[in-house]
Amino acid sequence: QMGALELQHFIRLITGAELVITKDAKYPADVRIYVGDSSDVVKANPEISRFEGETSLVKFSGNNIYLVGSDSPDFGKVDYKNYLTFPRFYFNTRGSLYAVYDFLERQCGVRFYGPWENSTTFKPRKTLSVKPVDRKYASPLDAFRRVSDDDAYYSALPFSARERALWELRWRMTELYGSVNHNIYSIYLAHWGKAKSPYLAP
């Protein structure tokens, strides 16, 4: 849902046209963009069922474009204006959403430079044509990708909770297994001996 809404949002910004989001497989269309998993998509791309981690796939086939990936199950309804309904940041995969972002960046020229709408760039045009290049991708950083924003500089930046949530998604930030903060000094003592710092040695 989030991927379809993001795609609709940016195509509207780029061209002024609004894509119809539908689950009706018979809806009339010259070009169909499939977002997320469905029986039609799996039938056309059986390898999807074997995706692991955060794998995403952008695939062109005839007049169809498939933007799919490995997603954690989430059956809530997304309200594009309410960030609390967006896909969760922690402990889940969002491969289909990442496929949408790949498509927007690589095929449509969208650039996400920061957390604000005016820090996202694109070239407005009446007609959007894209080069059909398939891409399957899985990030090598598969557990933790995050920008630390809890210091004085970042906490003073004026962006809303919704802008922050969109920034986290668009920059593919994630925490799949949780995180820890600060060092556990017993590790140093167990493996490397007493700390060199007189302050830390005791």
C-alpha atoms as a PDB file:
ATOM      1  CA  GLN A   1       0.000   0.000   0.000  1.00  0.00           C
ATOM      2  CA  MET A   2       2.741   2.457   0.965  1.00  0.00           C
ATOM      3  CA  GLY A   3       4.655   1.713  -2.223  1.00  0.00           C
ATOM      4  CA  ALA A   4       1.565   2.298  -4.367  1.00  0.00           C
ATOM      5  CA  LEU A   5       0.831   5.579  -2.579  1.00  0.00           C
ATOM      6  CA  GLU A   6       4.420   6.802  -2.907  1.00  0.00           C
ATOM      7  CA  LEU A   7       4.454   5.902  -6.604  1.00  0.00           C
ATOM      8  CA  GLN A   8       1.138   7.685  -7.169  1.00  0.00           C
ATOM      9  CA  HIS A   9       2.390  10.746  -5.249  1.00  0.00           C
ATOM     10  CA  PHE A  10       5.602  11.177  -7.244  1.00  0.00           C
ATOM     11  CA  ILE A  11       4.114  10.433 -10.653  1.00  0.00           C
ATOM     12  CA  ARG A  12       1.543  13.139  -9.894  1.00  0.00           C
ATOM     13  CA  LEU A  13       4.321  15.578  -8.902  1.00  0.00           C
ATOM     14  CA  ILE A  14       6.366  14.789 -12.013  1.00  0.00           C
ATOM     15  CA  THR A  15       3.589  14.749 -14.634  1.00  0.00           C
ATOM     16  CA  GLY A  16       0.374  16.047 -13.060  1.00  0.00           C
ATOM     17  CA  ALA A  17      -1.284  12.707 -13.887  1.00  0.00           C
ATOM     18  CA  GLU A  18      -2.779  10.573 -11.126  1.00  0.00           C
ATOM     19  CA  LEU A  19      -2.311   6.834 -11.409  1.00  0.00           C
ATOM     20  CA  VAL A  20      -5.288   4.735 -10.379  1.00  0.00           C
ATOM     21  CA  ILE A  21      -4.586   2.338  -7.510  1.00  0.00           C
ATOM     22  CA  THR A  22      -6.765  -0.737  -7.853  1.00  0.00           C
ATOM     23  CA  LYS A  23      -6.871  -4.415  -6.934  1.00  0.00           C
ATOM     24  CA  ASP A  24      -9.032  -5.093 -10.006  1.00  0.00           C
ATOM     25  CA  ALA A  25      -6.893  -7.204 -12.347  1.00  0.00           C
ATOM     26  CA  LYS A  26      -9.239  -6.353 -15.256  1.00  0.00           C
ATOM     27  CA  TYR A  27      -9.028  -2.573 -14.828  1.00  0.00           C
ATOM     28  CA  PRO A  28      -8.350  -1.141 -18.321  1.00  0.00           C
ATOM     29  CA  ALA A  29      -4.786   0.131 -18.731  1.00  0.00           C
ATOM     30  CA  ASP A  30      -2.173   0.360 -21.492  1.00  0.00           C
ATOM     31  CA  VAL A  31       0.625  -0.081 -18.934  1.00  0.00           C
ATOM     32  CA  ARG A  32       0.205  -1.877 -15.636  1.00  0.00           C
ATOM     33  CA  ILE A  33       2.507  -1.329 -12.665  1.00  0.00           C
ATOM     34  CA  TYR A  34       2.200  -4.107 -10.116  1.00  0.00           C
ATOM     35  CA  VAL A  35       3.284  -3.112  -6.608  1.00  0.00           C
ATOM     36  CA  GLY A  36       3.784  -5.799  -3.995  1.00  0.00           C
ATOM     37  CA  ASP A  37       2.947  -9.455  -3.987  1.00  0.00           C
ATOM     38  CA  SER A  38      -0.075 -10.992  -5.706  1.00  0.00           C
ATOM     39  CA  SER A  39      -0.913 -14.263  -7.404  1.00  0.00           C
ATOM     40  CA  ASP A  40      -0.500 -12.628 -10.837  1.00  0.00           C
ATOM     41  CA  VAL A  41       2.944 -11.328  -9.908  1.00  0.00           C
ATOM     42  CA  VAL A  42       4.155 -14.644  -8.488  1.00  0.00           C
ATOM     43  CA  LYS A  43       2.826 -16.466 -11.546  1.00  0.00           C
ATOM     44  CA  ALA A  44       4.838 -14.150 -13.803  1.00  0.00           C
ATOM     45  CA  ASN A  45       7.899 -14.124 -11.509  1.00  0.00           C
ATOM     46  CA  PRO A  46       8.112 -17.440  -9.605  1.00  0.00           C
ATOM     47  CA  GLU A  47      11.501 -16.507  -8.126  1.00  0.00           C
ATOM     48  CA  ILE A  48       9.723 -14.030  -5.810  1.00  0.00           C
ATOM     49  CA  SER A  49       8.617 -16.870  -3.566  1.00  0.00           C
ATOM     50  CA  ARG A  50      12.309 -17.575  -2.884  1.00  0.00           C
ATOM     51  CA  PHE A  51      13.265 -14.017  -1.924  1.00  0.00           C
ATOM     52  CA  GLU A  52      15.087 -13.610   1.375  1.00  0.00           C
ATOM     53  CA  GLY A  53      15.830 -10.643   3.616  1.00  0.00           C
ATOM     54  CA  GLU A  54      15.110  -7.269   2.041  1.00  0.00           C
ATOM     55  CA  THR A  55      15.359  -8.371  -1.583  1.00  0.00           C
ATOM     56  CA  SER A  56      13.599  -6.098  -4.071  1.00  0.00           C
ATOM     57  CA  LEU A  57      12.917  -6.556  -7.767  1.00  0.00           C
ATOM     58  CA  VAL A  58      12.158  -4.079 -10.557  1.00  0.00           C
ATOM     59  CA  LYS A  59      11.172  -6.067 -13.636  1.00  0.00           C
ATOM     60  CA  PHE A  60       9.824  -5.049 -17.038  1.00  0.00           C
ATOM     61  CA  SER A  61       7.789  -7.544 -19.050  1.00  0.00           C
ATOM     62  CA  GLY A  62       5.870  -6.347 -22.107  1.00  0.00           C
ATOM     63  CA  ASN A  63       3.551  -3.570 -20.919  1.00  0.00           C
ATOM     64  CA  ASN A  64       3.864  -4.668 -17.294  1.00  0.00           C
ATOM     65  CA  ILE A  65       6.203  -3.278 -14.664  1.00  0.00           C
ATOM     66  CA  TYR A  66       6.670  -5.321 -11.493  1.00  0.00           C
ATOM     67  CA  LEU A  67       7.838  -3.588  -8.308  1.00  0.00           C
ATOM     68  CA  VAL A  68       7.990  -6.360  -5.752  1.00  0.00           C
ATOM     69  CA  GLY A  69      10.095  -7.715  -2.937  1.00  0.00           C
ATOM     70  CA  SER A  70      10.359  -9.573   0.322  1.00  0.00           C
ATOM     71  CA  ASP A  71       7.884  -8.039   2.773  1.00  0.00           C
ATOM     72  CA  SER A  72       6.994  -8.817   6.358  1.00  0.00           C
ATOM     73  CA  PRO A  73       3.273  -9.579   6.703  1.00  0.00           C
ATOM     74  CA  ASP A  74       1.339  -6.444   7.615  1.00  0.00           C
ATOM     75  CA  PHE A  75      -2.385  -6.239   7.029  1.00  0.00           C
ATOM     76  CA  GLY A  76      -3.112  -2.751   8.352  1.00  0.00           C
ATOM     77  CA  LYS A  77      -4.532   0.007   6.152  1.00  0.00           C
ATOM     78  CA  VAL A  78      -2.172   2.830   5.204  1.00  0.00           C
ATOM     79  CA  ASP A  79      -3.447   6.400   5.453  1.00  0.00           C
ATOM     80  CA  TYR A  80      -0.930   8.471   3.445  1.00  0.00           C
ATOM     81  CA  LYS A  81      -1.527  11.522   5.659  1.00  0.00           C
ATOM     82  CA  ASN A  82      -1.081   9.624   8.934  1.00  0.00           C
ATOM     83  CA  TYR A  83       2.494   8.496   9.557  1.00  0.00           C
ATOM     84  CA  LEU A  84       1.345   6.185  12.358  1.00  0.00           C
ATOM     85  CA  THR A  85      -0.112   3.876   9.685  1.00  0.00           C
ATOM     86  CA  PHE A  86       3.140   3.689   7.667  1.00  0.00           C
ATOM     87  CA  PRO A  87       5.165   0.431   7.587  1.00  0.00           C
ATOM     88  CA  ARG A  88       7.015  -0.108  10.838  1.00  0.00           C
ATOM     89  CA  PHE A  89      10.650   0.966  11.092  1.00  0.00           C
ATOM     90  CA  TYR A  90      11.696  -1.863  13.396  1.00  0.00           C
ATOM     91  CA  PHE A  91      11.906  -5.611  12.832  1.00  0.00           C
ATOM     92  CA  ASN A  92      10.329  -5.938   9.391  1.00  0.00           C
ATOM     93  CA  THR A  93      11.315  -6.029   5.723  1.00  0.00           C
ATOM     94  CA  ARG A  94       9.909  -3.717   3.042  1.00  0.00           C
ATOM     95  CA  GLY A  95      11.292  -5.077  -0.230  1.00  0.00           C
ATOM     96  CA  SER A  96       8.318  -4.010  -2.376  1.00  0.00           C
ATOM     97  CA  LEU A  97       8.524  -0.440  -1.092  1.00  0.00           C
ATOM     98  CA  TYR A  98      12.251  -0.397  -1.807  1.00  0.00           C
ATOM     99  CA  ALA A  99      11.523  -1.598  -5.364  1.00  0.00           C
ATOM    100  CA  VAL A 100       9.255   1.438  -5.781  1.00  0.00           C
ATOM    101  CA  TYR A 101      12.029   3.739  -4.559  1.00  0.00           C
ATOM    102  CA  ASP A 102      14.521   2.059  -6.916  1.00  0.00           C
ATOM    103  CA  PHE A 103      12.108   2.646  -9.794  1.00  0.00           C
ATOM    104  CA  LEU A 104      11.529   6.277  -8.828  1.00  0.00           C
ATOM    105  CA  GLU A 105      15.251   6.971  -8.493  1.00  0.00           C
ATOM    106  CA  ARG A 106      16.697   4.959 -11.379  1.00  0.00           C
ATOM    107  CA  GLN A 107      13.914   5.207 -13.961  1.00  0.00           C
ATOM    108  CA  CYS A 108      12.168   8.480 -13.026  1.00  0.00           C
ATOM    109  CA  GLY A 109      15.093  10.604 -11.772  1.00  0.00           C
ATOM    110  CA  VAL A 110      13.731  11.301  -8.275  1.00  0.00           C
ATOM    111  CA  ARG A 111      16.365  12.162  -5.634  1.00  0.00           C
ATOM    112  CA  PHE A 112      15.724  12.072  -1.890  1.00  0.00           C
ATOM    113  CA  TYR A 113      18.259  14.479  -0.389  1.00  0.00           C
ATOM    114  CA  GLY A 114      16.651  15.080   2.997  1.00  0.00           C
ATOM    115  CA  PRO A 115      13.534  14.824   5.151  1.00  0.00           C
ATOM    116  CA  TRP A 116      11.617  17.721   3.597  1.00  0.00           C
ATOM    117  CA  GLU A 117       9.465  17.810   0.467  1.00  0.00           C
ATOM    118  CA  ASN A 118      11.640  20.622  -0.926  1.00  0.00           C
ATOM    119  CA  SER A 119      14.756  18.469  -0.489  1.00  0.00           C
ATOM    120  CA  THR A 120      13.335  15.874  -2.891  1.00  0.00           C
ATOM    121  CA  THR A 121      14.081  16.699  -6.518  1.00  0.00           C
ATOM    122  CA  PHE A 122      12.766  15.566  -9.897  1.00  0.00           C
ATOM    123  CA  LYS A 123      12.313  16.940 -13.416  1.00  0.00           C
ATOM    124  CA  PRO A 124       8.682  17.928 -14.114  1.00  0.00           C
ATOM    125  CA  ARG A 125       7.445  16.837 -17.542  1.00  0.00           C
ATOM    126  CA  LYS A 126       4.140  16.112 -19.251  1.00  0.00           C
ATOM    127  CA  THR A 127       5.154  12.701 -20.564  1.00  0.00           C
ATOM    128  CA  LEU A 128       7.121  10.170 -18.564  1.00  0.00           C
ATOM    129  CA  SER A 129       8.985   7.464 -20.452  1.00  0.00           C
ATOM    130  CA  VAL A 130      11.355   5.102 -18.678  1.00  0.00           C
ATOM    131  CA  LYS A 131      14.177   2.860 -19.799  1.00  0.00           C
ATOM    132  CA  PRO A 132      13.313  -0.789 -19.075  1.00  0.00           C
ATOM    133  CA  VAL A 133      16.191  -2.057 -16.941  1.00  0.00           C
ATOM    134  CA  ASP A 134      15.533  -4.954 -14.575  1.00  0.00           C
ATOM    135  CA  ARG A 135      17.150  -4.786 -11.140  1.00  0.00           C
ATOM    136  CA  LYS A 136      17.196  -7.276  -8.302  1.00  0.00           C
ATOM    137  CA  TYR A 137      18.826  -5.971  -5.150  1.00  0.00           C
ATOM    138  CA  ALA A 138      19.464  -6.923  -1.542  1.00  0.00           C
ATOM    139  CA  SER A 139      21.369  -4.542   0.709  1.00  0.00           C
ATOM    140  CA  PRO A 140      24.632  -5.941   2.107  1.00  0.00           C
ATOM    141  CA  LEU A 141      23.810  -4.012   5.298  1.00  0.00           C
ATOM    142  CA  ASP A 142      20.936  -6.244   6.235  1.00  0.00           C
ATOM    143  CA  ALA A 143      20.467  -5.543   9.946  1.00  0.00           C
ATOM    144  CA  PHE A 144      20.979  -1.892  10.793  1.00  0.00           C
ATOM    145  CA  ARG A 145      20.920   1.276   8.700  1.00  0.00           C
ATOM    146  CA  ARG A 146      20.094   4.450  10.518  1.00  0.00           C
ATOM    147  CA  VAL A 147      21.018   8.132  10.696  1.00  0.00           C
ATOM    148  CA  SER A 148      21.568   9.201  14.306  1.00  0.00           C
ATOM    149  CA  ASP A 149      19.454  12.273  14.937  1.00  0.00           C
ATOM    150  CA  ASP A 150      19.452  12.511  18.725  1.00  0.00           C
ATOM    151  CA  ASP A 151      22.186  15.119  19.123  1.00  0.00           C
ATOM    152  CA  ALA A 152      21.642  18.846  19.490  1.00  0.00           C
ATOM    153  CA  TYR A 153      22.102  19.602  15.798  1.00  0.00           C
ATOM    154  CA  TYR A 154      19.633  17.070  14.436  1.00  0.00           C
ATOM    155  CA  SER A 155      17.076  17.509  17.198  1.00  0.00           C
ATOM    156  CA  ALA A 156      16.916  21.225  16.297  1.00  0.00           C
ATOM    157  CA  LEU A 157      16.007  20.519  12.662  1.00  0.00           C
ATOM    158  CA  PRO A 158      12.421  21.543  11.920  1.00  0.00           C
ATOM    159  CA  PHE A 159      10.736  18.497  10.436  1.00  0.00           C
ATOM    160  CA  SER A 160       7.448  16.913  11.398  1.00  0.00           C
ATOM    161  CA  ALA A 161       6.933  13.339  12.578  1.00  0.00           C
ATOM    162  CA  ARG A 162       5.449  12.509   9.156  1.00  0.00           C
ATOM    163  CA  GLU A 163       8.444  13.981   7.324  1.00  0.00           C
ATOM    164  CA  ARG A 164      10.764  12.001   9.563  1.00  0.00           C
ATOM    165  CA  ALA A 165       8.831   8.777   8.900  1.00  0.00           C
ATOM    166  CA  LEU A 166       8.974   9.352   5.128  1.00  0.00           C
ATOM    167  CA  TRP A 167      12.695  10.164   5.346  1.00  0.00           C
ATOM    168  CA  GLU A 168      13.370   6.885   7.181  1.00  0.00           C
ATOM    169  CA  LEU A 169      11.493   4.913   4.524  1.00  0.00           C
ATOM    170  CA  ARG A 170      12.931   6.728   1.503  1.00  0.00           C
ATOM    171  CA  TRP A 171      16.491   6.414   2.815  1.00  0.00           C
ATOM    172  CA  ARG A 172      15.861   2.693   3.494  1.00  0.00           C
ATOM    173  CA  MET A 173      16.693   3.011   7.176  1.00  0.00           C
ATOM    174  CA  THR A 174      15.991  -0.090   9.201  1.00  0.00           C
ATOM    175  CA  GLU A 175      16.611  -2.029  12.377  1.00  0.00           C
ATOM    176  CA  LEU A 176      15.899  -5.694  11.792  1.00  0.00           C
ATOM    177  CA  TYR A 177      17.390  -7.120  14.995  1.00  0.00           C
ATOM    178  CA  GLY A 178      17.388  -4.198  17.417  1.00  0.00           C
ATOM    179  CA  SER A 179      20.368  -2.134  18.511  1.00  0.00           C
ATOM    180  CA  VAL A 180      22.606  -1.417  21.466  1.00  0.00           C
ATOM    181  CA  ASN A 181      24.277   1.801  22.491  1.00  0.00           C
ATOM    182  CA  HIS A 182      27.663   2.443  24.131  1.00  0.00           C
ATOM    183  CA  ASN A 183      30.429  -0.071  24.675  1.00  0.00           C
ATOM    184  CA  ILE A 184      30.375  -3.071  26.955  1.00  0.00           C
ATOM    185  CA  TYR A 185      33.859  -2.818  28.410  1.00  0.00           C
ATOM    186  CA  SER A 186      33.929  -6.380  29.740  1.00  0.00           C
ATOM    187  CA  ILE A 187      34.396  -7.451  26.115  1.00  0.00           C
ATOM    188  CA  TYR A 188      37.691  -5.546  25.978  1.00  0.00           C
ATOM    189  CA  LEU A 189      38.834  -6.992  29.298  1.00  0.00           C
ATOM    190  CA  ALA A 190      37.923 -10.551  28.296  1.00  0.00           C
ATOM    191  CA  HIS A 191      39.689 -10.429  24.924  1.00  0.00           C
ATOM    192  CA  TRP A 192      42.400  -7.741  25.015  1.00  0.00           C
ATOM    193  CA  GLY A 193      43.337  -7.257  28.662  1.00  0.00           C
ATOM    194  CA  LYS A 194      43.183  -4.235  30.926  1.00  0.00           C
ATOM    195  CA  ALA A 195      42.240  -0.925  29.317  1.00  0.00           C
ATOM    196  CA  LYS A 196      45.196   1.360  28.573  1.00  0.00           C
ATOM    197  CA  SER A 197      43.387   4.387  29.935  1.00  0.00           C
ATOM    198  CA  PRO A 198      44.097   4.795  33.664  1.00  0.00           C
ATOM    199  CA  TYR A 199      40.531   6.053  34.040  1.00  0.00           C
ATOM    200  CA  LEU A 200      38.987   2.966  32.434  1.00  0.00           C
ATOM    201  CA  ALA A 201      41.443   0.359  33.739  1.00  0.00           C
ATOM    202  CA  PRO A 202      39.808  -0.052  37.192  1.00  0.00           C
END
